[in-house]
Amino acid sequence: MPSTTSRSTGKIPRRPQRASASDQAEPRRKRGPKPRPIVEFPTPLFTTWDEPDAFHEALDLHMRRHGDSCWHLYKAIAVPGERFDRATLQVWRGGTKSPRDIASLEILARMERRYRLAEGYFKAKLPHPGRAARGHKLASIAPSERRRLAWHLPDDFDLRPVAERDAILEWVRTVIISGATDYRRFQAEAVKHRYAVRFPDFFSTNSAKPPTSSPDDDGDREDMDAELLCGAVDAPPQLAGEMGSLIAFKTATLTEIGFQRNGVWGEKPRRRRSSISA
């Protein structure tokens, strides 16, 4: 019986070898440089610098001083579950925005600790350090009272015990808001009395022309409150000189070389008398 032959090359294909247990357990290595390890206190690259005044400049300085990028700093100080993103550090570093709420101030405290800076270092360099921080948890308080209380609450108010928070709120309401102290009572009484500052001869200290008199000037003086006239004081020479320079700058046709201004001051507009006819 004739034998049948196949048209194949005659080579027996090899079976694929199965990977051993050791090969399966070994993870595949990623290409590229290894990521920097996260350390609690990185070693600074340099120890002397010119102290900046702006917050974003100080943040950029100390990030470069410790070799931190926004992504590396985010991984070093971020806490799982909080609403904090790497893009926040980017806008802070670029100077587009600055921290305003309680959560952001906590991030600043973490960066100060990481870079071994003094407590409150970054907070003191914010554009408006006198602003009240936002984000206090005062759900049971009306928004109008909440804005007044925020000026006098500590940054870690939400982290304190309930009894301590209630004591702080009671103290602020009694001593500051209600005017229980001597200074608060004096301040409340002082705002009832008006005063004015006169600049009788400031035109002699600058090149501006004195205003022309008009028939309405006498009428304006008669309409002025007698209490305000009695409480008026003459401006000291230094303040009068500064006011004269300001008026000369704002009323001049052309500014001096190297100065810019937004708008020009003109003469005082006259009052328009209107009548209503039935």
Protein backbone atom coordinates (compact mmCIF):
# COMPACT_ATOMS: atom_id res chain seq x y z
CA MET A 1 0.00 0.00 0.00
CA PRO A 2 1.59 3.25 -1.03
CA SER A 3 2.43 5.67 1.76
CA THR A 4 1.01 9.17 1.80
CA THR A 5 3.36 12.07 2.25
CA SER A 6 2.54 15.62 3.28
CA ARG A 7 3.77 18.70 1.52
CA SER A 8 5.25 20.12 4.69
CA THR A 9 8.95 20.72 5.13
CA GLY A 10 9.25 17.72 7.34
CA LYS A 11 10.26 19.76 10.43
CA ILE A 12 8.36 19.09 13.62
CA PRO A 13 7.13 22.38 15.16
CA ARG A 14 8.30 23.03 18.68
CA ARG A 15 5.81 23.37 21.40
CA PRO A 16 5.81 26.72 23.28
CA GLN A 17 7.60 26.41 26.57
CA ARG A 18 5.70 27.34 29.67
CA ALA A 19 7.20 29.98 31.93
CA SER A 20 8.52 28.71 35.16
CA ALA A 21 7.10 29.78 38.53
CA SER A 22 10.12 32.01 39.18
CA ASP A 23 9.64 33.81 35.85
CA GLN A 24 5.94 34.42 36.53
CA ALA A 25 6.62 35.87 39.98
CA GLU A 26 9.23 38.37 38.74
CA PRO A 27 7.50 41.68 37.74
CA ARG A 28 8.36 43.37 34.50
CA ARG A 29 10.71 46.29 34.95
CA LYS A 30 9.50 49.70 33.84
CA ARG A 31 11.61 51.65 31.46
CA GLY A 32 13.00 55.06 32.26
CA PRO A 33 14.55 56.55 35.38
CA LYS A 34 13.32 55.46 38.77
CA PRO A 35 11.06 57.92 40.63
CA ARG A 36 12.61 59.86 43.47
CA PRO A 37 11.86 58.44 46.89
CA ILE A 38 9.56 60.46 49.14
CA VAL A 39 11.44 61.64 52.22
CA GLU A 40 9.99 63.64 55.09
CA PHE A 41 12.75 66.25 55.28
CA PRO A 42 14.70 66.58 51.99
CA THR A 43 18.22 67.94 52.05
CA PRO A 44 18.40 71.48 50.60
CA LEU A 45 20.55 72.03 47.54
CA PHE A 46 21.75 75.43 48.81
CA THR A 47 21.49 77.19 52.17
CA THR A 48 21.86 80.89 51.31
CA TRP A 49 19.33 82.94 49.35
CA ASP A 50 17.80 86.39 48.99
CA GLU A 51 14.56 86.46 50.94
CA PRO A 52 11.60 87.29 48.61
CA ASP A 53 8.58 89.30 49.69
CA ALA A 54 5.85 87.71 47.57
CA PHE A 55 4.29 84.38 48.50
CA HIS A 56 4.62 82.74 45.07
CA GLU A 57 8.27 83.76 44.84
CA ALA A 58 9.01 82.25 48.27
CA LEU A 59 7.22 79.03 47.33
CA ASP A 60 9.15 78.74 44.07
CA LEU A 61 12.43 79.44 45.88
CA HIS A 62 12.07 76.70 48.47
CA MET A 63 10.74 74.18 45.96
CA ARG A 64 13.84 74.73 43.83
CA ARG A 65 16.00 74.73 46.95
CA HIS A 66 14.84 71.20 47.78
CA GLY A 67 14.52 69.94 44.20
CA ASP A 68 10.73 69.55 44.39
CA SER A 69 8.42 69.66 41.43
CA CYS A 70 4.71 70.29 41.90
CA TRP A 71 3.99 66.60 41.44
CA HIS A 72 6.68 65.45 43.88
CA LEU A 73 5.64 68.00 46.52
CA TYR A 74 2.00 66.97 46.10
CA LYS A 75 2.84 63.32 46.73
CA ALA A 76 4.91 64.29 49.79
CA ILE A 77 2.28 66.40 51.60
CA ALA A 78 -1.11 65.20 50.28
CA VAL A 79 -3.38 63.20 52.56
CA PRO A 80 -5.68 60.54 51.03
CA GLY A 81 -9.31 61.61 50.83
CA GLU A 82 -8.83 65.39 50.98
CA ARG A 83 -9.83 67.82 48.24
CA PHE A 84 -6.37 68.96 47.21
CA ASP A 85 -4.97 68.76 43.71
CA ARG A 86 -1.55 69.15 42.15
CA ALA A 87 -2.90 71.99 39.99
CA THR A 88 -3.38 74.05 43.16
CA LEU A 89 0.36 74.10 43.73
CA GLN A 90 0.91 75.14 40.13
CA VAL A 91 -1.34 78.21 40.37
CA TRP A 92 0.16 79.13 43.75
CA ARG A 93 3.66 78.87 42.37
CA GLY A 94 2.76 80.90 39.29
CA GLY A 95 1.18 83.67 41.34
CA THR A 96 -2.25 83.32 39.71
CA LYS A 97 -4.02 82.57 43.00
CA SER A 98 -3.12 82.47 46.66
CA PRO A 99 -4.43 80.45 49.63
CA ARG A 100 -7.56 81.81 51.28
CA ASP A 101 -9.39 79.03 53.16
CA ILE A 102 -8.60 76.94 56.22
CA ALA A 103 -7.68 73.82 54.20
CA SER A 104 -5.14 75.80 52.17
CA LEU A 105 -3.53 77.20 55.32
CA GLU A 106 -3.10 73.62 56.54
CA ILE A 107 -1.24 72.82 53.31
CA LEU A 108 1.06 75.80 53.97
CA ALA A 109 1.80 74.45 57.44
CA ARG A 110 2.79 71.08 55.95
CA MET A 111 5.16 72.73 53.48
CA GLU A 112 6.71 74.81 56.27
CA ARG A 113 7.33 71.64 58.26
CA ARG A 114 8.77 69.81 55.22
CA TYR A 115 11.18 72.62 54.41
CA ARG A 116 11.92 73.26 58.11
CA LEU A 117 10.80 76.87 57.98
CA ALA A 118 9.41 78.96 60.82
CA GLU A 119 5.74 78.52 61.66
CA GLY A 120 3.64 81.01 59.70
CA TYR A 121 6.44 81.72 57.18
CA PHE A 122 4.28 81.33 54.06
CA LYS A 123 1.16 82.79 55.66
CA ALA A 124 2.98 86.04 56.45
CA LYS A 125 3.82 86.48 52.75
CA LEU A 126 0.26 86.20 51.42
CA PRO A 127 -0.95 89.17 49.34
CA HIS A 128 -3.63 90.15 51.89
CA PRO A 129 -2.51 88.85 55.31
CA GLY A 130 -5.24 90.83 57.08
CA ARG A 131 -8.08 88.97 55.39
CA ALA A 132 -10.14 86.56 57.42
CA ALA A 133 -9.71 82.92 56.49
CA ARG A 134 -12.67 81.18 54.89
CA GLY A 135 -14.02 77.69 55.45
CA HIS A 136 -14.80 77.59 59.18
CA LYS A 137 -17.51 75.05 59.97
CA LEU A 138 -20.20 77.30 61.45
CA ALA A 139 -23.33 75.76 60.01
CA SER A 140 -25.67 76.90 62.80
CA ILE A 141 -24.62 80.57 62.52
CA ALA A 142 -26.07 83.07 60.05
CA PRO A 143 -23.75 84.18 57.20
CA SER A 144 -23.74 87.81 58.41
CA GLU A 145 -22.49 86.83 61.87
CA ARG A 146 -20.16 84.24 60.39
CA ARG A 147 -18.27 86.92 58.47
CA ARG A 148 -17.73 88.95 61.64
CA LEU A 149 -16.66 85.96 63.70
CA ALA A 150 -14.17 84.72 61.09
CA TRP A 151 -11.79 87.61 61.83
CA HIS A 152 -11.26 86.42 65.39
CA LEU A 153 -11.24 82.62 65.10
CA PRO A 154 -7.94 80.66 65.10
CA ASP A 155 -6.93 78.73 62.00
CA ASP A 156 -7.29 75.38 63.81
CA PHE A 157 -10.76 76.22 65.12
CA ASP A 158 -12.38 73.21 63.42
CA LEU A 159 -9.81 70.81 64.92
CA ARG A 160 -10.44 71.83 68.54
CA PRO A 161 -12.90 70.06 70.89
CA VAL A 162 -16.54 71.10 70.84
CA ALA A 163 -16.39 72.60 74.33
CA GLU A 164 -13.36 74.70 73.41
CA ARG A 165 -15.01 75.93 70.19
CA ASP A 166 -18.13 76.97 72.10
CA ALA A 167 -15.98 78.86 74.60
CA ILE A 168 -14.16 80.70 71.80
CA LEU A 169 -17.43 81.70 70.14
CA GLU A 170 -18.86 82.93 73.45
CA TRP A 171 -15.73 84.98 74.17
CA VAL A 172 -15.71 86.59 70.71
CA ARG A 173 -19.40 87.46 70.92
CA THR A 174 -19.15 88.89 74.43
CA VAL A 175 -15.83 90.71 74.36
CA ILE A 176 -15.41 91.80 70.72
CA ILE A 177 -18.76 91.83 68.94
CA SER A 178 -20.86 93.21 71.81
CA GLY A 179 -18.27 95.80 72.85
CA ALA A 180 -17.62 94.66 76.40
CA THR A 181 -14.04 96.00 76.53
CA ASP A 182 -13.06 99.61 77.23
CA TYR A 183 -11.50 100.02 73.79
CA ARG A 184 -14.59 98.65 72.03
CA ARG A 185 -16.82 101.06 73.94
CA PHE A 186 -14.48 103.95 73.08
CA GLN A 187 -14.50 102.92 69.41
CA ALA A 188 -18.30 102.73 69.35
CA GLU A 189 -18.53 106.21 70.87
CA ALA A 190 -15.84 107.72 68.64
CA VAL A 191 -17.59 106.79 65.40
CA LYS A 192 -20.53 108.96 66.41
CA HIS A 193 -18.42 112.14 66.14
CA ARG A 194 -17.40 113.23 62.65
CA TYR A 195 -14.23 115.08 61.82
CA ALA A 196 -12.54 116.63 58.80
CA VAL A 197 -9.02 117.51 57.68
CA ARG A 198 -8.44 120.85 55.96
CA PHE A 199 -5.76 121.54 53.35
CA PRO A 200 -5.80 125.36 53.30
CA ASP A 201 -2.53 126.03 51.47
CA PHE A 202 -1.70 122.82 49.61
CA PHE A 203 -1.75 124.66 46.29
CA SER A 204 1.37 126.52 47.35
CA THR A 205 3.32 123.26 47.49
CA ASN A 206 2.60 122.13 43.92
CA SER A 207 2.12 123.49 40.45
CA ALA A 208 -1.61 122.85 40.31
CA LYS A 209 -3.88 125.82 39.80
CA PRO A 210 -6.28 126.68 42.60
CA PRO A 211 -9.94 126.05 41.87
CA THR A 212 -11.92 128.99 40.66
CA SER A 213 -14.58 130.28 42.99
CA SER A 214 -18.19 129.96 41.99
CA PRO A 215 -21.45 131.31 43.36
CA ASP A 216 -22.22 127.86 44.74
CA ASP A 217 -19.19 127.88 47.10
CA ASP A 218 -20.91 130.01 49.74
CA GLY A 219 -23.96 127.85 49.50
CA ASP A 220 -21.87 124.70 49.98
CA ARG A 221 -20.27 126.16 53.10
CA GLU A 222 -23.67 127.06 54.50
CA ASP A 223 -24.94 123.54 53.82
CA MET A 224 -21.95 122.03 55.64
CA ASP A 225 -22.76 120.69 59.08
CA ALA A 226 -21.67 122.92 61.95
CA GLU A 227 -20.42 119.88 63.86
CA LEU A 228 -18.13 118.99 60.96
CA LEU A 229 -16.75 122.54 60.83
CA CYS A 230 -15.99 122.49 64.55
CA GLY A 231 -14.22 119.14 64.27
CA ALA A 232 -12.04 120.14 61.33
CA VAL A 233 -8.27 120.26 61.84
CA ASP A 234 -5.50 121.59 59.62
CA ALA A 235 -3.39 118.96 57.91
CA PRO A 236 0.25 118.72 59.05
CA PRO A 237 2.89 119.97 56.59
CA GLN A 238 3.97 116.49 55.46
CA LEU A 239 0.41 115.35 54.73
CA ALA A 240 -0.37 118.65 53.01
CA GLY A 241 2.70 118.26 50.79
CA GLU A 242 1.76 114.70 49.83
CA MET A 243 -1.78 115.78 49.02
CA GLY A 244 -0.49 118.65 46.88
CA SER A 245 1.79 116.30 44.95
CA LEU A 246 -1.07 113.85 44.42
CA ILE A 247 -3.41 116.55 43.09
CA ALA A 248 -0.69 117.92 40.81
CA PHE A 249 -0.09 114.43 39.43
CA LYS A 250 -3.77 113.64 38.88
CA THR A 251 -4.70 117.03 37.36
CA ALA A 252 -1.67 117.64 35.11
CA THR A 253 -2.23 117.43 31.38
CA LEU A 254 0.83 115.22 30.86
CA THR A 255 2.60 113.10 33.43
CA GLU A 256 6.32 113.20 34.09
CA ILE A 257 8.59 110.78 32.27
CA GLY A 258 8.54 107.36 33.89
CA PHE A 259 5.10 107.72 35.53
CA GLN A 260 1.74 106.35 34.46
CA ARG A 261 -1.76 107.04 35.74
CA ASN A 262 -5.24 105.74 35.20
CA GLY A 263 -7.61 108.63 34.64
CA VAL A 264 -7.33 112.38 35.19
CA TRP A 265 -9.03 114.43 37.85
CA GLY A 266 -11.08 117.38 36.63
CA GLU A 267 -12.82 120.26 38.32
CA LYS A 268 -15.56 119.65 40.83
CA PRO A 269 -18.87 119.26 38.98
CA ARG A 270 -21.54 121.76 39.88
CA ARG A 271 -24.71 120.61 41.50
CA ARG A 272 -27.69 120.32 39.22
CA ARG A 273 -30.93 121.57 40.62
CA SER A 274 -33.91 119.52 39.55
CA SER A 275 -37.56 120.26 40.05
CA ILE A 276 -40.54 118.00 39.97
CA SER A 277 -43.67 119.37 38.44
CA ALA A 278 -47.07 117.96 39.09
